[in-house]
Amino acid sequence: LARACAALGDWQKSATHLQKSLRVVEVRHGPSSVEMGHELFKLAQIFFNGFAVPEALSAIQKAEEVLSLHCGPWDDEIQELQKMKSCLLDLPPTLVRSSV
C-alpha cells in the first residue's frame, strides 16, 4: 500500500502505511534488525520525497544507526541516506517544513 501511495505522490498516506509496517517489523524481527533498517530507509525516502524535513532527518538517523549494525559505510543504502541528509541540511530554512 505504501508503494502504491508513493507512486501516486501521496507521501502522507505512504508514510502512514510505512509507519504501520514498522511496528509489525519491529515486533517480528526486533528494533535493530536489518529488516527494520530497510523499512526505516523506505520511510526516510518517503519523508525526503514529501519534503518533510524534520521527519526525514529523524528517519535517516534511525535508519543509519540500524543499518550500520549490519552493513559497512560503503553500503548503497547508507550512502544514499548520507546524500539525503546532506541535501536536506543544505536547504534554506524557508523551505524546511514538518509533516508530509
Protein backbone atom coordinates (compact mmCIF):
# COMPACT_ATOMS: atom_id res chain seq x y z
CA LEU A 1 0.00 0.00 0.00
CA ALA A 2 2.84 2.39 0.85
CA ARG A 3 4.43 1.81 -2.56
CA ALA A 4 1.14 2.40 -4.37
CA CYS A 5 0.52 5.64 -2.48
CA ALA A 6 4.08 6.79 -3.20
CA ALA A 7 3.61 6.05 -6.89
CA LEU A 8 0.58 8.33 -6.81
CA GLY A 9 2.56 11.03 -5.00
CA ASP A 10 0.53 10.71 -1.80
CA TRP A 11 3.52 10.93 0.53
CA GLN A 12 1.49 11.34 3.71
CA LYS A 13 -0.59 8.23 3.13
CA SER A 14 2.50 6.30 2.09
CA ALA A 15 4.28 7.35 5.32
CA THR A 16 1.27 6.28 7.37
CA HIS A 17 1.34 2.79 5.81
CA LEU A 18 5.08 2.50 6.32
CA GLN A 19 4.81 3.52 9.96
CA LYS A 20 2.28 0.71 10.49
CA SER A 21 4.63 -1.67 8.73
CA LEU A 22 7.48 -0.56 11.02
CA ARG A 23 5.52 -1.61 14.09
CA VAL A 24 4.94 -5.08 12.65
CA VAL A 25 8.56 -5.48 11.53
CA GLU A 26 9.80 -4.40 14.96
CA VAL A 27 7.65 -6.99 16.74
CA ARG A 28 8.53 -9.75 14.31
CA HIS A 29 12.25 -9.08 13.74
CA GLY A 30 13.34 -6.70 16.51
CA PRO A 31 14.14 -2.98 16.67
CA SER A 32 17.74 -3.42 15.49
CA SER A 33 17.13 -5.97 12.75
CA VAL A 34 18.27 -5.45 9.19
CA GLU A 35 14.59 -5.68 8.18
CA MET A 36 13.86 -2.73 10.45
CA GLY A 37 16.74 -0.84 8.85
CA HIS A 38 15.30 -1.41 5.38
CA GLU A 39 11.85 -0.22 6.45
CA LEU A 40 13.35 2.90 8.08
CA PHE A 41 15.25 3.53 4.84
CA LYS A 42 11.97 3.42 2.91
CA LEU A 43 10.35 5.78 5.41
CA ALA A 44 13.28 8.20 5.09
CA GLN A 45 12.84 8.18 1.31
CA ILE A 46 9.12 8.91 1.61
CA PHE A 47 9.66 11.81 4.01
CA PHE A 48 12.50 13.10 1.81
CA ASN A 49 10.35 12.99 -1.33
CA GLY A 50 7.48 14.65 0.54
CA PHE A 51 9.78 17.47 1.77
CA ALA A 52 9.01 16.62 5.41
CA VAL A 53 12.49 17.67 6.50
CA PRO A 54 12.43 17.09 10.29
CA GLU A 55 10.74 13.71 9.85
CA ALA A 56 13.16 12.74 7.08
CA LEU A 57 16.19 13.69 9.17
CA SER A 58 14.87 11.66 12.10
CA ALA A 59 14.15 8.61 9.92
CA ILE A 60 17.58 8.94 8.26
CA GLN A 61 19.32 8.96 11.63
CA LYS A 62 17.42 5.89 12.85
CA ALA A 63 17.99 4.03 9.57
CA GLU A 64 21.72 4.82 9.64
CA GLU A 65 22.00 3.59 13.22
CA VAL A 66 20.28 0.29 12.49
CA LEU A 67 21.87 -0.37 9.10
CA SER A 68 25.33 0.46 10.45
CA LEU A 69 24.99 -2.56 12.74
CA HIS A 70 24.62 -4.83 9.70
CA CYS A 71 26.40 -3.05 6.85
CA GLY A 72 29.56 -1.09 6.35
CA PRO A 73 29.75 2.59 5.42
CA TRP A 74 30.12 1.63 1.74
CA ASP A 75 26.63 0.07 1.68
CA ASP A 76 24.40 1.61 -1.02
CA GLU A 77 21.55 2.39 1.39
CA ILE A 78 23.85 4.05 3.91
CA GLN A 79 25.45 6.08 1.12
CA GLU A 80 22.02 7.20 -0.10
CA LEU A 81 20.94 8.11 3.43
CA GLN A 82 24.03 10.29 3.81
CA LYS A 83 23.32 12.02 0.48
CA MET A 84 19.71 12.67 1.51
CA LYS A 85 20.84 14.09 4.86
CA SER A 86 23.40 16.34 3.18
CA CYS A 87 20.80 17.60 0.73
CA LEU A 88 18.29 18.34 3.50
CA LEU A 89 20.83 20.11 5.68
CA ASP A 90 21.75 22.36 2.73
CA LEU A 91 18.17 23.57 2.26
CA PRO A 92 17.43 27.20 3.10
CA PRO A 93 15.38 27.47 6.34
CA THR A 94 12.39 28.87 4.42
CA LEU A 95 11.93 25.54 2.63
CA VAL A 96 12.04 23.42 5.78
CA ARG A 97 8.64 22.29 6.97
CA SER A 98 7.25 19.47 9.01
CA SER A 99 4.85 16.71 8.01
CA VAL A 100 4.23 15.37 4.53
